[in-house]
Amino acid sequence: MSPLPRLTSRAARELFLDETGAATAEYAIATMAAVAFAGLLVVIMRSDEVRGILTDLVRRALSVE
């Protein structure tokens, strides 16, 4: 097994300044956060108490007084 090549300042600059794939990684992180938030909302919405509060809120908003 050959040793790893030495990391020169030029090679380090090329590695760390290369932003190839950065936008894709940002989209992946944002998508994972959105999925986690959606999962949290599903858990909250399955609660009978929360469902009752939201149903009452919609009924009051749609009622004409």
N, C-alpha and C. Protein backbone atom coordinates (compact mmCIF):
# COMPACT_ATOMS: atom_id res chain seq x y z
N MET A 1 0.85 -1.18 0.00
CA MET A 1 0.00 0.00 0.00
C MET A 1 0.90 1.24 0.00
N SER A 2 0.64 2.13 -0.95
CA SER A 2 1.48 3.32 -1.06
C SER A 2 1.00 4.41 -0.09
N PRO A 3 1.91 5.22 0.40
CA PRO A 3 1.52 6.30 1.33
C PRO A 3 0.73 7.38 0.59
N LEU A 4 -0.06 8.10 1.34
CA LEU A 4 -0.85 9.19 0.76
C LEU A 4 0.07 10.31 0.29
N PRO A 5 -0.31 10.99 -0.79
CA PRO A 5 0.53 12.10 -1.26
C PRO A 5 0.51 13.24 -0.25
N ARG A 6 1.59 13.99 -0.23
CA ARG A 6 1.71 15.12 0.69
C ARG A 6 0.74 16.23 0.28
N LEU A 7 0.08 16.84 1.26
CA LEU A 7 -0.88 17.92 1.00
C LEU A 7 -0.13 19.25 0.99
N THR A 8 0.03 19.79 -0.20
CA THR A 8 0.70 21.09 -0.33
C THR A 8 -0.32 22.20 -0.21
N SER A 9 0.16 23.42 -0.04
CA SER A 9 -0.77 24.54 0.09
C SER A 9 -1.56 24.73 -1.20
N ARG A 10 -0.94 24.46 -2.33
CA ARG A 10 -1.65 24.58 -3.61
C ARG A 10 -2.76 23.54 -3.71
N ALA A 11 -2.46 22.30 -3.35
CA ALA A 11 -3.46 21.24 -3.39
C ALA A 11 -4.58 21.52 -2.40
N ALA A 12 -4.24 22.03 -1.22
CA ALA A 12 -5.25 22.37 -0.21
C ALA A 12 -6.17 23.46 -0.72
N ARG A 13 -5.58 24.47 -1.38
CA ARG A 13 -6.39 25.56 -1.93
C ARG A 13 -7.38 25.02 -2.96
N GLU A 14 -6.90 24.15 -3.83
CA GLU A 14 -7.76 23.57 -4.86
C GLU A 14 -8.88 22.74 -4.24
N LEU A 15 -8.56 22.01 -3.19
CA LEU A 15 -9.57 21.17 -2.55
C LEU A 15 -10.63 22.00 -1.82
N PHE A 16 -10.18 22.98 -1.05
CA PHE A 16 -11.10 23.71 -0.20
C PHE A 16 -11.84 24.84 -0.91
N LEU A 17 -11.33 25.30 -2.04
CA LEU A 17 -12.02 26.36 -2.77
C LEU A 17 -12.96 25.82 -3.84
N ASP A 18 -12.91 24.53 -4.09
CA ASP A 18 -13.78 23.91 -5.07
C ASP A 18 -15.18 23.76 -4.47
N GLU A 19 -16.16 24.41 -5.07
CA GLU A 19 -17.52 24.36 -4.55
C GLU A 19 -18.42 23.47 -5.39
N THR A 20 -17.84 22.57 -6.14
CA THR A 20 -18.61 21.64 -6.95
C THR A 20 -19.51 20.80 -6.04
N GLY A 21 -20.78 20.80 -6.33
CA GLY A 21 -21.74 20.01 -5.54
C GLY A 21 -22.26 20.73 -4.32
N ALA A 22 -21.82 21.95 -4.05
CA ALA A 22 -22.27 22.66 -2.85
C ALA A 22 -23.77 22.94 -2.90
N ALA A 23 -24.27 23.36 -4.06
CA ALA A 23 -25.71 23.66 -4.17
C ALA A 23 -26.52 22.38 -3.98
N THR A 24 -26.05 21.28 -4.52
CA THR A 24 -26.76 20.01 -4.35
C THR A 24 -26.82 19.61 -2.89
N ALA A 25 -25.73 19.80 -2.17
CA ALA A 25 -25.71 19.47 -0.75
C ALA A 25 -26.66 20.37 0.03
N GLU A 26 -26.72 21.64 -0.34
CA GLU A 26 -27.64 22.56 0.33
C GLU A 26 -29.09 22.16 0.08
N TYR A 27 -29.40 21.77 -1.16
CA TYR A 27 -30.76 21.30 -1.46
C TYR A 27 -31.08 20.03 -0.67
N ALA A 28 -30.12 19.14 -0.54
CA ALA A 28 -30.35 17.90 0.21
C ALA A 28 -30.62 18.19 1.68
N ILE A 29 -29.87 19.12 2.26
CA ILE A 29 -30.08 19.47 3.67
C ILE A 29 -31.43 20.14 3.86
N ALA A 30 -31.80 21.05 2.95
CA ALA A 30 -33.09 21.72 3.05
C ALA A 30 -34.23 20.71 2.88
N THR A 31 -34.07 19.76 1.98
CA THR A 31 -35.10 18.73 1.78
C THR A 31 -35.25 17.87 3.02
N MET A 32 -34.12 17.48 3.63
CA MET A 32 -34.20 16.67 4.85
C MET A 32 -34.87 17.45 5.99
N ALA A 33 -34.60 18.74 6.09
CA ALA A 33 -35.23 19.56 7.12
C ALA A 33 -36.74 19.66 6.87
N ALA A 34 -37.13 19.81 5.61
CA ALA A 34 -38.56 19.89 5.28
C ALA A 34 -39.27 18.57 5.59
N VAL A 35 -38.63 17.46 5.31
CA VAL A 35 -39.21 16.15 5.61
C VAL A 35 -39.35 15.96 7.12
N ALA A 36 -38.34 16.37 7.87
CA ALA A 36 -38.41 16.27 9.33
C ALA A 36 -39.54 17.13 9.88
N PHE A 37 -39.70 18.34 9.35
CA PHE A 37 -40.77 19.23 9.79
C PHE A 37 -42.13 18.64 9.44
N ALA A 38 -42.26 18.06 8.24
CA ALA A 38 -43.52 17.43 7.84
C ALA A 38 -43.84 16.26 8.76
N GLY A 39 -42.83 15.48 9.12
CA GLY A 39 -43.05 14.37 10.05
C GLY A 39 -43.51 14.85 11.41
N LEU A 40 -42.93 15.94 11.87
CA LEU A 40 -43.36 16.53 13.14
C LEU A 40 -44.81 16.99 13.07
N LEU A 41 -45.18 17.62 11.95
CA LEU A 41 -46.57 18.06 11.79
C LEU A 41 -47.54 16.88 11.77
N VAL A 42 -47.14 15.78 11.16
CA VAL A 42 -48.00 14.60 11.13
C VAL A 42 -48.22 14.08 12.54
N VAL A 43 -47.16 14.03 13.32
CA VAL A 43 -47.29 13.56 14.71
C VAL A 43 -48.20 14.49 15.50
N ILE A 44 -48.04 15.79 15.32
CA ILE A 44 -48.86 16.76 16.05
C ILE A 44 -50.31 16.67 15.60
N MET A 45 -50.54 16.54 14.30
CA MET A 45 -51.92 16.53 13.78
C MET A 45 -52.67 15.27 14.18
N ARG A 46 -51.98 14.20 14.53
CA ARG A 46 -52.66 12.98 14.96
C ARG A 46 -53.21 13.11 16.37
N SER A 47 -52.82 14.13 17.07
CA SER A 47 -53.31 14.36 18.42
C SER A 47 -54.76 14.83 18.35
N ASP A 48 -55.65 14.20 19.13
CA ASP A 48 -57.06 14.58 19.13
C ASP A 48 -57.26 16.01 19.61
N GLU A 49 -56.48 16.41 20.59
CA GLU A 49 -56.61 17.77 21.14
C GLU A 49 -56.28 18.82 20.07
N VAL A 50 -55.19 18.64 19.37
CA VAL A 50 -54.79 19.59 18.33
C VAL A 50 -55.81 19.59 17.19
N ARG A 51 -56.26 18.41 16.80
CA ARG A 51 -57.26 18.32 15.74
C ARG A 51 -58.53 19.06 16.13
N GLY A 52 -58.95 18.92 17.38
CA GLY A 52 -60.14 19.62 17.86
C GLY A 52 -59.95 21.13 17.86
N ILE A 53 -58.79 21.59 18.28
CA ILE A 53 -58.51 23.03 18.27
C ILE A 53 -58.56 23.58 16.86
N LEU A 54 -57.92 22.88 15.92
CA LEU A 54 -57.92 23.36 14.53
C LEU A 54 -59.30 23.31 13.89
N THR A 55 -60.06 22.27 14.18
CA THR A 55 -61.42 22.17 13.66
C THR A 55 -62.27 23.31 14.19
N ASP A 56 -62.16 23.59 15.48
CA ASP A 56 -62.91 24.70 16.08
C ASP A 56 -62.49 26.03 15.47
N LEU A 57 -61.21 26.19 15.23
CA LEU A 57 -60.71 27.43 14.63
C LEU A 57 -61.28 27.64 13.22
N VAL A 58 -61.31 26.56 12.44
CA VAL A 58 -61.85 26.67 11.08
C VAL A 58 -63.35 26.94 11.13
N ARG A 59 -64.08 26.27 12.02
CA ARG A 59 -65.53 26.50 12.13
C ARG A 59 -65.83 27.94 12.50
N ARG A 60 -65.06 28.48 13.46
CA ARG A 60 -65.29 29.89 13.86
C ARG A 60 -64.93 30.84 12.74
N ALA A 61 -63.92 30.53 11.97
CA ALA A 61 -63.51 31.39 10.87
C ALA A 61 -64.53 31.39 9.75
N LEU A 62 -65.21 30.27 9.56
CA LEU A 62 -66.19 30.17 8.47
C LEU A 62 -67.61 30.52 8.88
N SER A 63 -67.86 30.67 10.17
CA SER A 63 -69.21 30.99 10.61
C SER A 63 -69.50 32.47 10.40
N VAL A 64 -70.77 32.75 10.08
CA VAL A 64 -71.21 34.14 9.86
C VAL A 64 -72.00 34.58 11.07
N GLU A 65 -71.52 35.62 11.72
CA GLU A 65 -72.23 36.12 12.90
C GLU A 65 -72.58 37.56 12.72
